Amino acid sequence: MSGERARSEAERAAAQRARKRRLAEIFGDVLPETTSDDRPEPDQARGERWYRENRPPHHG
């Protein structure tokens, strides 16, 4: 029976992958891999040095 169980689990996993692939073809990626707060915006990518140079005097 364990061979049948492993086969049915493998078949279920294959069916689930196929279903996800079909959904991705129709709808595309619903959720991106990263969100906008996870990655810097190109024009606002400032390093530590910029913040230190532009720190107000009262935060010294």
PDB file of N, CA and C in Angstrom:
ATOM      1  N   MET A   1       0.802  -1.201   0.000  1.00  0.00           N
ATOM      2  CA  MET A   1       0.000   0.000   0.000  1.00  0.00           C
ATOM      3  C   MET A   1       0.845   1.265   0.000  1.00  0.00           C
ATOM      4  N   SER A   2       2.039   1.219   0.566  1.00  0.00           N
ATOM      5  CA  SER A   2       2.846   2.433   0.619  1.00  0.00           C
ATOM      6  C   SER A   2       3.246   2.883  -0.780  1.00  0.00           C
ATOM      7  N   GLY A   3       3.409   1.948  -1.716  1.00  0.00           N
ATOM      8  CA  GLY A   3       3.721   2.313  -3.092  1.00  0.00           C
ATOM      9  C   GLY A   3       2.558   3.055  -3.732  1.00  0.00           C
ATOM     10  N   GLU A   4       1.349   2.596  -3.453  1.00  0.00           N
ATOM     11  CA  GLU A   4       0.163   3.275  -3.984  1.00  0.00           C
ATOM     12  C   GLU A   4       0.011   4.655  -3.358  1.00  0.00           C
ATOM     13  N   ARG A   5       0.294   4.740  -2.070  1.00  0.00           N
ATOM     14  CA  ARG A   5       0.191   6.030  -1.372  1.00  0.00           C
ATOM     15  C   ARG A   5       1.195   7.025  -1.937  1.00  0.00           C
ATOM     16  N   ALA A   6       2.433   6.589  -2.141  1.00  0.00           N
ATOM     17  CA  ALA A   6       3.464   7.465  -2.689  1.00  0.00           C
ATOM     18  C   ALA A   6       3.093   7.905  -4.101  1.00  0.00           C
ATOM     19  N   ARG A   7       2.525   6.967  -4.874  1.00  0.00           N
ATOM     20  CA  ARG A   7       2.128   7.305  -6.232  1.00  0.00           C
ATOM     21  C   ARG A   7       0.984   8.306  -6.220  1.00  0.00           C
ATOM     22  N   SER A   8       0.010   8.098  -5.350  1.00  0.00           N
ATOM     23  CA  SER A   8      -1.113   9.033  -5.309  1.00  0.00           C
ATOM     24  C   SER A   8      -0.665  10.403  -4.814  1.00  0.00           C
ATOM     25  N   GLU A   9       0.272  10.450  -3.880  1.00  0.00           N
ATOM     26  CA  GLU A   9       0.807  11.733  -3.419  1.00  0.00           C
ATOM     27  C   GLU A   9       1.563  12.422  -4.544  1.00  0.00           C
ATOM     28  N   ALA A  10       2.331  11.649  -5.311  1.00  0.00           N
ATOM     29  CA  ALA A  10       3.068  12.206  -6.441  1.00  0.00           C
ATOM     30  C   ALA A  10       2.097  12.725  -7.506  1.00  0.00           C
ATOM     31  N   GLU A  11       1.016  11.975  -7.738  1.00  0.00           N
ATOM     32  CA  GLU A  11       0.013  12.408  -8.712  1.00  0.00           C
ATOM     33  C   GLU A  11      -0.678  13.683  -8.245  1.00  0.00           C
ATOM     34  N   ARG A  12      -0.983  13.765  -6.963  1.00  0.00           N
ATOM     35  CA  ARG A  12      -1.603  14.987  -6.421  1.00  0.00           C
ATOM     36  C   ARG A  12      -0.669  16.178  -6.544  1.00  0.00           C
ATOM     37  N   ALA A  13       0.610  15.966  -6.245  1.00  0.00           N
ATOM     38  CA  ALA A  13       1.589  17.052  -6.350  1.00  0.00           C
ATOM     39  C   ALA A  13       1.722  17.508  -7.799  1.00  0.00           C
ATOM     40  N   ALA A  14       1.747  16.565  -8.732  1.00  0.00           N
ATOM     41  CA  ALA A  14       1.840  16.913 -10.150  1.00  0.00           C
ATOM     42  C   ALA A  14       0.592  17.670 -10.593  1.00  0.00           C
ATOM     43  N   ALA A  15      -0.576  17.243 -10.140  1.00  0.00           N
ATOM     44  CA  ALA A  15      -1.817  17.925 -10.499  1.00  0.00           C
ATOM     45  C   ALA A  15      -1.844  19.339  -9.928  1.00  0.00           C
ATOM     46  N   GLN A  16      -1.349  19.499  -8.713  1.00  0.00           N
ATOM     47  CA  GLN A  16      -1.313  20.824  -8.093  1.00  0.00           C
ATOM     48  C   GLN A  16      -0.355  21.748  -8.847  1.00  0.00           C
ATOM     49  N   ARG A  17       0.813  21.230  -9.251  1.00  0.00           N
ATOM     50  CA  ARG A  17       1.754  22.041 -10.031  1.00  0.00           C
ATOM     51  C   ARG A  17       1.138  22.446 -11.368  1.00  0.00           C
ATOM     52  N   ALA A  18       0.440  21.513 -12.008  1.00  0.00           N
ATOM     53  CA  ALA A  18      -0.204  21.814 -13.291  1.00  0.00           C
ATOM     54  C   ALA A  18      -1.288  22.872 -13.105  1.00  0.00           C
ATOM     55  N   ARG A  19      -2.050  22.763 -12.038  1.00  0.00           N
ATOM     56  CA  ARG A  19      -3.104  23.746 -11.765  1.00  0.00           C
ATOM     57  C   ARG A  19      -2.506  25.131 -11.542  1.00  0.00           C
ATOM     58  N   LYS A  20      -1.437  25.201 -10.752  1.00  0.00           N
ATOM     59  CA  LYS A  20      -0.780  26.486 -10.510  1.00  0.00           C
ATOM     60  C   LYS A  20      -0.214  27.063 -11.801  1.00  0.00           C
ATOM     61  N   ARG A  21       0.335  26.207 -12.650  1.00  0.00           N
ATOM     62  CA  ARG A  21       0.885  26.661 -13.915  1.00  0.00           C
ATOM     63  C   ARG A  21      -0.224  27.225 -14.813  1.00  0.00           C
ATOM     64  N   ARG A  22      -1.382  26.550 -14.857  1.00  0.00           N
ATOM     65  CA  ARG A  22      -2.509  27.048 -15.656  1.00  0.00           C
ATOM     66  C   ARG A  22      -3.010  28.380 -15.118  1.00  0.00           C
ATOM     67  N   LEU A  23      -3.123  28.504 -13.814  1.00  0.00           N
ATOM     68  CA  LEU A  23      -3.569  29.765 -13.224  1.00  0.00           C
ATOM     69  C   LEU A  23      -2.587  30.889 -13.524  1.00  0.00           C
ATOM     70  N   ALA A  24      -1.290  30.597 -13.474  1.00  0.00           N
ATOM     71  CA  ALA A  24      -0.280  31.608 -13.765  1.00  0.00           C
ATOM     72  C   ALA A  24      -0.358  32.040 -15.233  1.00  0.00           C
ATOM     73  N   GLU A  25      -0.657  31.094 -16.128  1.00  0.00           N
ATOM     74  CA  GLU A  25      -0.800  31.446 -17.543  1.00  0.00           C
ATOM     75  C   GLU A  25      -1.975  32.384 -17.761  1.00  0.00           C
ATOM     76  N   ILE A  26      -3.045  32.166 -17.024  1.00  0.00           N
ATOM     77  CA  ILE A  26      -4.252  32.976 -17.195  1.00  0.00           C
ATOM     78  C   ILE A  26      -4.132  34.321 -16.489  1.00  0.00           C
ATOM     79  N   PHE A  27      -3.753  34.298 -15.230  1.00  0.00           N
ATOM     80  CA  PHE A  27      -3.780  35.513 -14.412  1.00  0.00           C
ATOM     81  C   PHE A  27      -2.417  36.155 -14.204  1.00  0.00           C
ATOM     82  N   GLY A  28      -1.361  35.467 -14.510  1.00  0.00           N
ATOM     83  CA  GLY A  28      -0.029  35.985 -14.234  1.00  0.00           C
ATOM     84  C   GLY A  28       0.277  35.845 -12.748  1.00  0.00           C
ATOM     85  N   ASP A  29       1.347  36.462 -12.327  1.00  0.00           N
ATOM     86  CA  ASP A  29       1.718  36.421 -10.917  1.00  0.00           C
ATOM     87  C   ASP A  29       0.843  37.384 -10.149  1.00  0.00           C
ATOM     88  N   VAL A  30       0.082  36.857  -9.221  1.00  0.00           N
ATOM     89  CA  VAL A  30      -0.809  37.693  -8.431  1.00  0.00           C
ATOM     90  C   VAL A  30      -0.004  38.521  -7.434  1.00  0.00           C
ATOM     91  N   LEU A  31       0.937  37.895  -6.786  1.00  0.00           N
ATOM     92  CA  LEU A  31       1.763  38.580  -5.805  1.00  0.00           C
ATOM     93  C   LEU A  31       3.211  38.595  -6.280  1.00  0.00           C
ATOM     94  N   PRO A  32       3.853  39.742  -6.270  1.00  0.00           N
ATOM     95  CA  PRO A  32       5.258  39.786  -6.687  1.00  0.00           C
ATOM     96  C   PRO A  32       6.148  39.108  -5.653  1.00  0.00           C
ATOM     97  N   GLU A  33       7.338  38.747  -6.074  1.00  0.00           N
ATOM     98  CA  GLU A  33       8.293  38.115  -5.161  1.00  0.00           C
ATOM     99  C   GLU A  33       8.695  39.061  -4.040  1.00  0.00           C
ATOM    100  N   THR A  34       8.862  40.341  -4.358  1.00  0.00           N
ATOM    101  CA  THR A  34       9.185  41.338  -3.345  1.00  0.00           C
ATOM    102  C   THR A  34       8.206  42.491  -3.475  1.00  0.00           C
ATOM    103  N   THR A  35       8.006  43.194  -2.394  1.00  0.00           N
ATOM    104  CA  THR A  35       7.123  44.349  -2.415  1.00  0.00           C
ATOM    105  C   THR A  35       7.951  45.616  -2.538  1.00  0.00           C
ATOM    106  N   SER A  36       7.297  46.719  -2.798  1.00  0.00           N
ATOM    107  CA  SER A  36       8.023  47.967  -3.028  1.00  0.00           C
ATOM    108  C   SER A  36       8.817  48.421  -1.811  1.00  0.00           C
ATOM    109  N   ASP A  37       8.382  48.052  -0.615  1.00  0.00           N
ATOM    110  CA  ASP A  37       9.150  48.449   0.562  1.00  0.00           C
ATOM    111  C   ASP A  37      10.354  47.543   0.804  1.00  0.00           C
ATOM    112  N   ASP A  38      10.444  46.425   0.076  1.00  0.00           N
ATOM    113  CA  ASP A  38      11.595  45.537   0.195  1.00  0.00           C
ATOM    114  C   ASP A  38      12.747  45.949  -0.706  1.00  0.00           C
ATOM    115  N   ARG A  39      12.471  46.733  -1.720  1.00  0.00           N
ATOM    116  CA  ARG A  39      13.519  47.117  -2.660  1.00  0.00           C
ATOM    117  C   ARG A  39      13.590  48.636  -2.777  1.00  0.00           C
ATOM    118  N   PRO A  40      14.784  49.156  -2.928  1.00  0.00           N
ATOM    119  CA  PRO A  40      14.928  50.625  -3.021  1.00  0.00           C
ATOM    120  C   PRO A  40      14.429  51.132  -4.366  1.00  0.00           C
ATOM    121  N   GLU A  41      13.878  52.324  -4.350  1.00  0.00           N
ATOM    122  CA  GLU A  41      13.479  52.950  -5.606  1.00  0.00           C
ATOM    123  C   GLU A  41      14.731  53.509  -6.257  1.00  0.00           C
ATOM    124  N   PRO A  42      14.845  53.421  -7.558  1.00  0.00           N
ATOM    125  CA  PRO A  42      16.088  53.814  -8.227  1.00  0.00           C
ATOM    126  C   PRO A  42      16.522  55.248  -7.949  1.00  0.00           C
ATOM    127  N   ASP A  43      15.594  56.185  -7.917  1.00  0.00           N
ATOM    128  CA  ASP A  43      15.986  57.568  -7.711  1.00  0.00           C
ATOM    129  C   ASP A  43      16.152  57.916  -6.233  1.00  0.00           C
ATOM    130  N   GLN A  44      15.702  57.070  -5.345  1.00  0.00           N
ATOM    131  CA  GLN A  44      15.798  57.360  -3.920  1.00  0.00           C
ATOM    132  C   GLN A  44      16.745  56.415  -3.187  1.00  0.00           C
ATOM    133  N   ALA A  45      17.566  55.699  -3.915  1.00  0.00           N
ATOM    134  CA  ALA A  45      18.513  54.780  -3.291  1.00  0.00           C
ATOM    135  C   ALA A  45      19.653  55.583  -2.677  1.00  0.00           C
ATOM    136  N   ARG A  46      19.525  55.886  -1.425  1.00  0.00           N
ATOM    137  CA  ARG A  46      20.515  56.702  -0.712  1.00  0.00           C
ATOM    138  C   ARG A  46      21.235  55.836   0.302  1.00  0.00           C
ATOM    139  N   GLY A  47      22.500  56.072   0.397  1.00  0.00           N
ATOM    140  CA  GLY A  47      23.282  55.314   1.346  1.00  0.00           C
ATOM    141  C   GLY A  47      23.389  56.025   2.685  1.00  0.00           C
ATOM    142  N   GLU A  48      24.042  55.376   3.592  1.00  0.00           N
ATOM    143  CA  GLU A  48      24.267  55.925   4.936  1.00  0.00           C
ATOM    144  C   GLU A  48      25.016  57.253   4.866  1.00  0.00           C
ATOM    145  N   ARG A  49      25.953  57.336   3.934  1.00  0.00           N
ATOM    146  CA  ARG A  49      26.745  58.569   3.802  1.00  0.00           C
ATOM    147  C   ARG A  49      25.859  59.771   3.502  1.00  0.00           C
ATOM    148  N   TRP A  50      24.880  59.623   2.599  1.00  0.00           N
ATOM    149  CA  TRP A  50      23.987  60.722   2.242  1.00  0.00           C
ATOM    150  C   TRP A  50      23.206  61.198   3.467  1.00  0.00           C
ATOM    151  N   TYR A  51      22.717  60.245   4.259  1.00  0.00           N
ATOM    152  CA  TYR A  51      21.952  60.617   5.457  1.00  0.00           C
ATOM    153  C   TYR A  51      22.823  61.358   6.473  1.00  0.00           C
ATOM    154  N   ARG A  52      24.060  60.928   6.619  1.00  0.00           N
ATOM    155  CA  ARG A  52      24.959  61.625   7.560  1.00  0.00           C
ATOM    156  C   ARG A  52      25.303  63.032   7.074  1.00  0.00           C
ATOM    157  N   GLU A  53      25.497  63.189   5.768  1.00  0.00           N
ATOM    158  CA  GLU A  53      25.822  64.501   5.219  1.00  0.00           C
ATOM    159  C   GLU A  53      24.632  65.453   5.302  1.00  0.00           C
ATOM    160  N   ASN A  54      23.437  64.943   5.244  1.00  0.00           N
ATOM    161  CA  ASN A  54      22.232  65.776   5.222  1.00  0.00           C
ATOM    162  C   ASN A  54      21.451  65.754   6.541  1.00  0.00           C
ATOM    163  N   ARG A  55      22.086  65.304   7.597  1.00  0.00           N
ATOM    164  CA  ARG A  55      21.445  65.250   8.910  1.00  0.00           C
ATOM    165  C   ARG A  55      21.317  66.670   9.466  1.00  0.00           C
ATOM    166  N   PRO A  56      20.162  67.026   9.983  1.00  0.00           N
ATOM    167  CA  PRO A  56      19.993  68.363  10.567  1.00  0.00           C
ATOM    168  C   PRO A  56      20.916  68.523  11.790  1.00  0.00           C
ATOM    169  N   PRO A  57      21.345  69.742  12.059  1.00  0.00           N
ATOM    170  CA  PRO A  57      22.286  69.988  13.168  1.00  0.00           C
ATOM    171  C   PRO A  57      21.718  69.576  14.524  1.00  0.00           C
ATOM    172  N   HIS A  58      20.423  69.688  14.719  1.00  0.00           N
ATOM    173  CA  HIS A  58      19.856  69.347  16.028  1.00  0.00           C
ATOM    174  C   HIS A  58      19.784  67.840  16.258  1.00  0.00           C
ATOM    175  N   HIS A  59      20.153  67.032  15.260  1.00  0.00           N
ATOM    176  CA  HIS A  59      20.207  65.587  15.432  1.00  0.00           C
ATOM    177  C   HIS A  59      21.647  65.095  15.575  1.00  0.00           C
ATOM    178  N   GLY A  60      22.561  66.021  15.820  1.00  0.00           N
ATOM    179  CA  GLY A  60      23.994  65.748  15.860  1.00  0.00           C
ATOM    180  C   GLY A  60      24.436  64.895  16.950  1.00  0.00           C
TER     181      GLY A  60
END
